[in-house]
């Protein structure tokens, strides 16, 4: 396990988001990204909570709370031995959770090699 400060980990998440293709970033809608230490749901690396873009309809508007992507710092750090591994895992986790925002499920992510 490697220790990465809260600030550095948040930088890594921001860099992973900035590294997404511009058209994906522009298409993301009503979603916020957070960093927490651990999930209360087990050893999750990340979690998407919300209504994927592919499932939204004309009734989705107004005062709808943003979707939520959470990246779990301690869980990711526990799976890594170096900061380079943390960088790669953060990127992979961010891409995975953003894919859920776009309606891509775990089975399809597995097919694409992003499991």
N, C-alpha and C. Protein backbone atom coordinates (compact mmCIF):
# COMPACT_ATOMS: atom_id res chain seq x y z
N UNK A 1 0.84 -1.19 0.00
CA UNK A 1 0.00 0.00 0.00
C UNK A 1 0.88 1.24 0.00
N UNK A 2 0.46 2.20 -0.79
CA UNK A 2 1.18 3.48 -0.83
C UNK A 2 0.30 4.56 -0.22
N UNK A 3 0.93 5.51 0.40
CA UNK A 3 0.18 6.63 0.97
C UNK A 3 0.29 7.82 0.00
N UNK A 4 -0.86 8.39 -0.31
CA UNK A 4 -0.94 9.57 -1.17
C UNK A 4 -1.79 10.59 -0.42
N UNK A 5 -1.29 11.79 -0.31
CA UNK A 5 -2.03 12.82 0.43
C UNK A 5 -3.37 13.11 -0.23
N UNK A 6 -4.28 13.64 0.56
CA UNK A 6 -5.60 14.02 0.04
C UNK A 6 -5.46 14.97 -1.14
N UNK A 7 -4.63 15.99 -0.99
CA UNK A 7 -4.46 16.99 -2.05
C UNK A 7 -3.90 16.37 -3.32
N UNK A 8 -2.88 15.55 -3.19
CA UNK A 8 -2.28 14.91 -4.37
C UNK A 8 -3.28 13.98 -5.05
N UNK A 9 -4.04 13.24 -4.26
CA UNK A 9 -5.02 12.32 -4.84
C UNK A 9 -6.09 13.11 -5.61
N UNK A 10 -6.55 14.20 -5.04
CA UNK A 10 -7.53 15.04 -5.74
C UNK A 10 -6.96 15.59 -7.04
N UNK A 11 -5.66 15.93 -7.04
CA UNK A 11 -5.00 16.36 -8.27
C UNK A 11 -5.04 15.25 -9.32
N UNK A 12 -4.79 14.02 -8.89
CA UNK A 12 -4.79 12.89 -9.81
C UNK A 12 -6.18 12.67 -10.42
N UNK A 13 -7.21 12.83 -9.61
CA UNK A 13 -8.58 12.69 -10.11
C UNK A 13 -8.86 13.81 -11.11
N UNK A 14 -8.47 15.03 -10.79
CA UNK A 14 -8.68 16.16 -11.70
C UNK A 14 -7.92 15.94 -13.01
N UNK A 15 -6.70 15.44 -12.93
CA UNK A 15 -5.92 15.15 -14.14
C UNK A 15 -6.58 14.07 -14.98
N UNK A 16 -7.14 13.07 -14.33
CA UNK A 16 -7.83 12.00 -15.07
C UNK A 16 -9.06 12.57 -15.78
N UNK A 17 -9.79 13.43 -15.11
CA UNK A 17 -10.96 14.06 -15.75
C UNK A 17 -10.52 14.96 -16.90
N UNK A 18 -9.46 15.73 -16.69
CA UNK A 18 -8.95 16.61 -17.74
C UNK A 18 -8.42 15.81 -18.93
N UNK A 19 -8.02 14.57 -18.68
CA UNK A 19 -7.48 13.72 -19.75
C UNK A 19 -8.54 13.07 -20.61
N UNK A 20 -9.80 13.21 -20.23
CA UNK A 20 -10.87 12.67 -21.06
C UNK A 20 -10.96 13.47 -22.36
N UNK A 21 -11.38 12.83 -23.44
CA UNK A 21 -11.57 13.60 -24.68
C UNK A 21 -12.54 14.76 -24.44
N UNK A 22 -12.25 15.89 -25.06
CA UNK A 22 -13.03 17.11 -24.84
C UNK A 22 -14.52 16.89 -25.11
N UNK A 23 -14.83 16.12 -26.15
CA UNK A 23 -16.24 15.91 -26.49
C UNK A 23 -16.98 15.14 -25.39
N UNK A 24 -16.28 14.26 -24.67
CA UNK A 24 -16.91 13.57 -23.53
C UNK A 24 -17.16 14.54 -22.39
N UNK A 25 -16.17 15.34 -22.08
CA UNK A 25 -16.33 16.33 -21.02
C UNK A 25 -17.48 17.28 -21.31
N UNK A 26 -17.61 17.69 -22.55
CA UNK A 26 -18.69 18.60 -22.93
C UNK A 26 -20.05 17.91 -22.85
N UNK A 27 -20.09 16.59 -23.08
CA UNK A 27 -21.35 15.85 -23.07
C UNK A 27 -21.80 15.47 -21.66
N UNK A 28 -20.89 15.50 -20.71
CA UNK A 28 -21.28 15.16 -19.33
C UNK A 28 -22.27 16.22 -18.85
N UNK A 29 -23.32 15.75 -18.18
CA UNK A 29 -24.39 16.67 -17.80
C UNK A 29 -24.87 16.37 -16.38
N UNK A 30 -24.86 17.41 -15.56
CA UNK A 30 -25.40 17.33 -14.20
C UNK A 30 -24.76 16.21 -13.39
N UNK A 31 -23.44 16.22 -13.33
CA UNK A 31 -22.71 15.22 -12.56
C UNK A 31 -21.59 15.91 -11.78
N UNK A 32 -21.41 15.50 -10.54
CA UNK A 32 -20.33 16.02 -9.69
C UNK A 32 -19.41 14.87 -9.31
N UNK A 33 -18.14 15.19 -9.15
CA UNK A 33 -17.14 14.17 -8.80
C UNK A 33 -16.58 14.50 -7.43
N UNK A 34 -16.50 13.45 -6.60
CA UNK A 34 -16.02 13.59 -5.22
C UNK A 34 -14.93 12.58 -4.94
N UNK A 35 -14.11 12.87 -3.95
CA UNK A 35 -13.13 11.92 -3.43
C UNK A 35 -13.48 11.66 -1.97
N UNK A 36 -13.56 10.39 -1.62
CA UNK A 36 -13.76 9.99 -0.23
C UNK A 36 -12.72 8.93 0.10
N UNK A 37 -12.51 8.69 1.40
CA UNK A 37 -11.50 7.71 1.79
C UNK A 37 -11.90 6.30 1.41
N UNK A 38 -13.08 5.87 1.85
CA UNK A 38 -13.54 4.49 1.62
C UNK A 38 -15.03 4.46 1.37
N UNK A 39 -15.44 3.42 0.66
CA UNK A 39 -16.87 3.20 0.45
C UNK A 39 -17.45 2.45 1.65
N UNK A 40 -18.67 2.77 1.98
CA UNK A 40 -19.36 2.01 3.01
C UNK A 40 -19.95 0.73 2.42
N UNK A 41 -19.83 0.56 1.12
CA UNK A 41 -20.40 -0.60 0.42
C UNK A 41 -19.35 -1.66 0.11
N UNK A 42 -18.24 -1.66 0.77
CA UNK A 42 -17.20 -2.64 0.51
C UNK A 42 -15.97 -2.00 -0.08
N UNK A 43 -15.19 -2.78 -0.75
CA UNK A 43 -13.91 -2.32 -1.28
C UNK A 43 -14.02 -1.76 -2.70
N UNK A 44 -14.95 -0.86 -2.90
CA UNK A 44 -15.12 -0.23 -4.21
C UNK A 44 -13.99 0.77 -4.46
N UNK A 45 -13.55 0.84 -5.70
CA UNK A 45 -12.57 1.86 -6.09
C UNK A 45 -13.27 3.15 -6.48
N UNK A 46 -14.46 3.00 -7.03
CA UNK A 46 -15.26 4.15 -7.44
C UNK A 46 -16.72 3.76 -7.47
N UNK A 47 -17.58 4.77 -7.53
CA UNK A 47 -19.01 4.52 -7.54
C UNK A 47 -19.71 5.62 -8.31
N UNK A 48 -20.60 5.20 -9.22
CA UNK A 48 -21.47 6.15 -9.93
C UNK A 48 -22.87 6.00 -9.36
N UNK A 49 -23.47 7.11 -8.99
CA UNK A 49 -24.84 7.12 -8.49
C UNK A 49 -25.61 8.17 -9.27
N UNK A 50 -26.68 7.76 -9.92
CA UNK A 50 -27.47 8.72 -10.66
C UNK A 50 -28.26 8.07 -11.76
N UNK A 51 -28.71 8.90 -12.69
CA UNK A 51 -29.47 8.45 -13.84
C UNK A 51 -28.58 8.64 -15.07
N UNK A 52 -28.14 7.53 -15.68
CA UNK A 52 -27.27 7.65 -16.86
C UNK A 52 -27.92 8.49 -17.96
N UNK A 53 -27.10 9.13 -18.74
CA UNK A 53 -27.60 9.97 -19.83
C UNK A 53 -28.54 9.21 -20.75
N UNK A 54 -28.28 7.93 -20.97
CA UNK A 54 -29.09 7.13 -21.87
C UNK A 54 -30.48 6.82 -21.31
N UNK A 55 -30.69 7.05 -20.02
CA UNK A 55 -31.98 6.74 -19.40
C UNK A 55 -32.77 8.00 -19.04
N UNK A 56 -32.21 9.15 -19.33
CA UNK A 56 -32.92 10.39 -19.05
C UNK A 56 -33.95 10.65 -20.15
N UNK A 57 -35.06 11.24 -19.77
CA UNK A 57 -36.10 11.54 -20.73
C UNK A 57 -36.56 12.98 -20.55
N UNK A 58 -37.58 13.37 -21.26
CA UNK A 58 -38.02 14.77 -21.23
C UNK A 58 -38.43 15.24 -19.83
N UNK A 59 -38.80 14.32 -18.94
CA UNK A 59 -39.16 14.69 -17.58
C UNK A 59 -37.96 14.97 -16.68
N UNK A 60 -36.77 14.73 -17.20
CA UNK A 60 -35.55 14.97 -16.42
C UNK A 60 -35.14 16.42 -16.62
N UNK A 61 -35.54 17.25 -15.70
CA UNK A 61 -35.17 18.67 -15.79
C UNK A 61 -35.51 19.34 -14.47
N UNK A 62 -35.23 20.62 -14.42
CA UNK A 62 -35.58 21.39 -13.23
C UNK A 62 -34.62 21.17 -12.09
N UNK A 63 -35.16 20.88 -10.93
CA UNK A 63 -34.37 20.79 -9.70
C UNK A 63 -33.93 19.36 -9.42
N UNK A 64 -33.23 18.77 -10.36
CA UNK A 64 -32.73 17.41 -10.20
C UNK A 64 -31.34 17.48 -9.59
N UNK A 65 -31.14 16.72 -8.53
CA UNK A 65 -29.81 16.68 -7.91
C UNK A 65 -28.81 16.10 -8.91
N UNK A 66 -27.57 16.57 -8.88
CA UNK A 66 -26.57 16.04 -9.80
C UNK A 66 -26.28 14.56 -9.53
N UNK A 67 -25.94 13.85 -10.60
CA UNK A 67 -25.39 12.51 -10.43
C UNK A 67 -24.10 12.67 -9.63
N UNK A 68 -23.64 11.57 -9.09
CA UNK A 68 -22.46 11.61 -8.23
C UNK A 68 -21.48 10.51 -8.63
N UNK A 69 -20.25 10.91 -8.88
CA UNK A 69 -19.15 9.96 -9.06
C UNK A 69 -18.24 10.13 -7.87
N UNK A 70 -17.97 9.04 -7.17
CA UNK A 70 -17.08 9.08 -6.02
C UNK A 70 -15.89 8.16 -6.29
N UNK A 71 -14.70 8.68 -6.06
CA UNK A 71 -13.47 7.91 -6.20
C UNK A 71 -12.92 7.72 -4.79
N UNK A 72 -12.58 6.47 -4.45
CA UNK A 72 -12.19 6.14 -3.07
C UNK A 72 -10.68 6.02 -2.93
N UNK A 73 -10.10 7.02 -2.26
CA UNK A 73 -8.65 7.17 -2.14
C UNK A 73 -7.98 5.99 -1.43
N UNK A 74 -8.40 5.68 -0.23
CA UNK A 74 -7.71 4.63 0.53
C UNK A 74 -7.82 3.27 -0.14
N UNK A 75 -8.96 2.98 -0.74
CA UNK A 75 -9.15 1.70 -1.40
C UNK A 75 -8.21 1.58 -2.60
N UNK A 76 -8.11 2.64 -3.38
CA UNK A 76 -7.18 2.62 -4.52
C UNK A 76 -5.75 2.50 -4.03
N UNK A 77 -5.38 3.30 -3.05
CA UNK A 77 -4.00 3.26 -2.55
C UNK A 77 -3.64 1.89 -1.98
N UNK A 78 -4.63 1.20 -1.41
CA UNK A 78 -4.37 -0.13 -0.85
C UNK A 78 -4.07 -1.17 -1.92
N UNK A 79 -4.47 -0.90 -3.16
CA UNK A 79 -4.22 -1.86 -4.25
C UNK A 79 -2.93 -1.55 -5.00
N UNK A 80 -2.25 -0.48 -4.63
CA UNK A 80 -1.08 -0.02 -5.38
C UNK A 80 0.18 0.01 -4.52
N UNK A 81 1.32 -0.17 -5.18
CA UNK A 81 2.61 -0.12 -4.49
C UNK A 81 3.40 1.14 -4.81
N UNK A 82 3.06 1.81 -5.92
CA UNK A 82 3.80 3.01 -6.33
C UNK A 82 2.81 4.10 -6.73
N UNK A 83 3.29 5.33 -6.77
CA UNK A 83 2.42 6.42 -7.20
C UNK A 83 2.04 6.25 -8.67
N UNK A 84 2.94 5.71 -9.49
CA UNK A 84 2.59 5.46 -10.90
C UNK A 84 1.40 4.51 -11.01
N UNK A 85 1.37 3.50 -10.15
CA UNK A 85 0.22 2.58 -10.15
C UNK A 85 -1.05 3.31 -9.72
N UNK A 86 -0.93 4.21 -8.74
CA UNK A 86 -2.08 5.00 -8.30
C UNK A 86 -2.59 5.85 -9.46
N UNK A 87 -1.69 6.51 -10.18
CA UNK A 87 -2.08 7.34 -11.32
C UNK A 87 -2.87 6.51 -12.33
N UNK A 88 -2.36 5.33 -12.67
CA UNK A 88 -3.05 4.46 -13.64
C UNK A 88 -4.39 3.99 -13.11
N UNK A 89 -4.45 3.62 -11.83
CA UNK A 89 -5.70 3.12 -11.27
C UNK A 89 -6.75 4.22 -11.14
N UNK A 90 -6.32 5.42 -10.77
CA UNK A 90 -7.25 6.54 -10.70
C UNK A 90 -7.83 6.81 -12.08
N UNK A 91 -6.98 6.83 -13.10
CA UNK A 91 -7.47 7.08 -14.46
C UNK A 91 -8.46 6.00 -14.87
N UNK A 92 -8.10 4.76 -14.63
CA UNK A 92 -8.98 3.64 -14.99
C UNK A 92 -10.32 3.73 -14.25
N UNK A 93 -10.28 4.08 -12.99
CA UNK A 93 -11.50 4.18 -12.19
C UNK A 93 -12.36 5.35 -12.65
N UNK A 94 -11.75 6.49 -12.92
CA UNK A 94 -12.49 7.65 -13.40
C UNK A 94 -13.17 7.32 -14.73
N UNK A 95 -12.43 6.71 -15.65
CA UNK A 95 -13.01 6.33 -16.95
C UNK A 95 -14.18 5.37 -16.75
N UNK A 96 -14.00 4.41 -15.87
CA UNK A 96 -15.05 3.42 -15.58
C UNK A 96 -16.32 4.10 -15.08
N UNK A 97 -16.20 4.99 -14.12
CA UNK A 97 -17.38 5.65 -13.54
C UNK A 97 -18.01 6.64 -14.51
N UNK A 98 -17.21 7.34 -15.28
CA UNK A 98 -17.74 8.25 -16.30
C UNK A 98 -18.50 7.43 -17.35
N UNK A 99 -17.99 6.26 -17.68
CA UNK A 99 -18.69 5.40 -18.63
C UNK A 99 -20.09 5.05 -18.11
N UNK A 100 -20.21 4.79 -16.83
CA UNK A 100 -21.53 4.53 -16.26
C UNK A 100 -22.45 5.74 -16.44
N UNK A 101 -21.92 6.94 -16.30
CA UNK A 101 -22.69 8.16 -16.52
C UNK A 101 -23.26 8.20 -17.95
N UNK A 102 -22.50 7.63 -18.89
CA UNK A 102 -22.93 7.57 -20.28
C UNK A 102 -23.76 6.33 -20.60
N UNK A 103 -24.07 5.54 -19.56
CA UNK A 103 -24.94 4.39 -19.74
C UNK A 103 -24.25 3.10 -20.13
N UNK A 104 -22.94 3.06 -20.01
CA UNK A 104 -22.19 1.84 -20.34
C UNK A 104 -22.12 0.98 -19.09
N UNK A 105 -22.63 -0.24 -19.16
CA UNK A 105 -22.67 -1.11 -17.98
C UNK A 105 -21.38 -1.91 -17.82
N UNK A 106 -21.27 -2.62 -16.70
CA UNK A 106 -20.06 -3.37 -16.39
C UNK A 106 -19.75 -4.44 -17.43
N UNK A 107 -20.78 -5.10 -17.97
CA UNK A 107 -20.55 -6.14 -18.98
C UNK A 107 -19.87 -5.55 -20.21
N UNK A 108 -20.35 -4.40 -20.67
CA UNK A 108 -19.75 -3.77 -21.85
C UNK A 108 -18.34 -3.26 -21.52
N UNK A 109 -18.16 -2.70 -20.34
CA UNK A 109 -16.82 -2.25 -19.93
C UNK A 109 -15.85 -3.42 -19.91
N UNK A 110 -16.32 -4.58 -19.46
CA UNK A 110 -15.49 -5.78 -19.45
C UNK A 110 -15.09 -6.16 -20.87
N UNK A 111 -16.05 -6.12 -21.78
CA UNK A 111 -15.77 -6.42 -23.19
C UNK A 111 -14.72 -5.47 -23.76
N UNK A 112 -14.76 -4.23 -23.32
CA UNK A 112 -13.84 -3.19 -23.82
C UNK A 112 -12.50 -3.21 -23.09
N UNK A 113 -12.37 -4.07 -22.06
CA UNK A 113 -11.13 -4.14 -21.30
C UNK A 113 -11.01 -3.13 -20.18
N UNK A 114 -12.13 -2.52 -19.76
CA UNK A 114 -12.11 -1.52 -18.70
C UNK A 114 -12.77 -2.04 -17.43
N UNK A 115 -12.70 -3.35 -17.20
CA UNK A 115 -13.35 -3.94 -16.02
C UNK A 115 -12.66 -3.56 -14.74
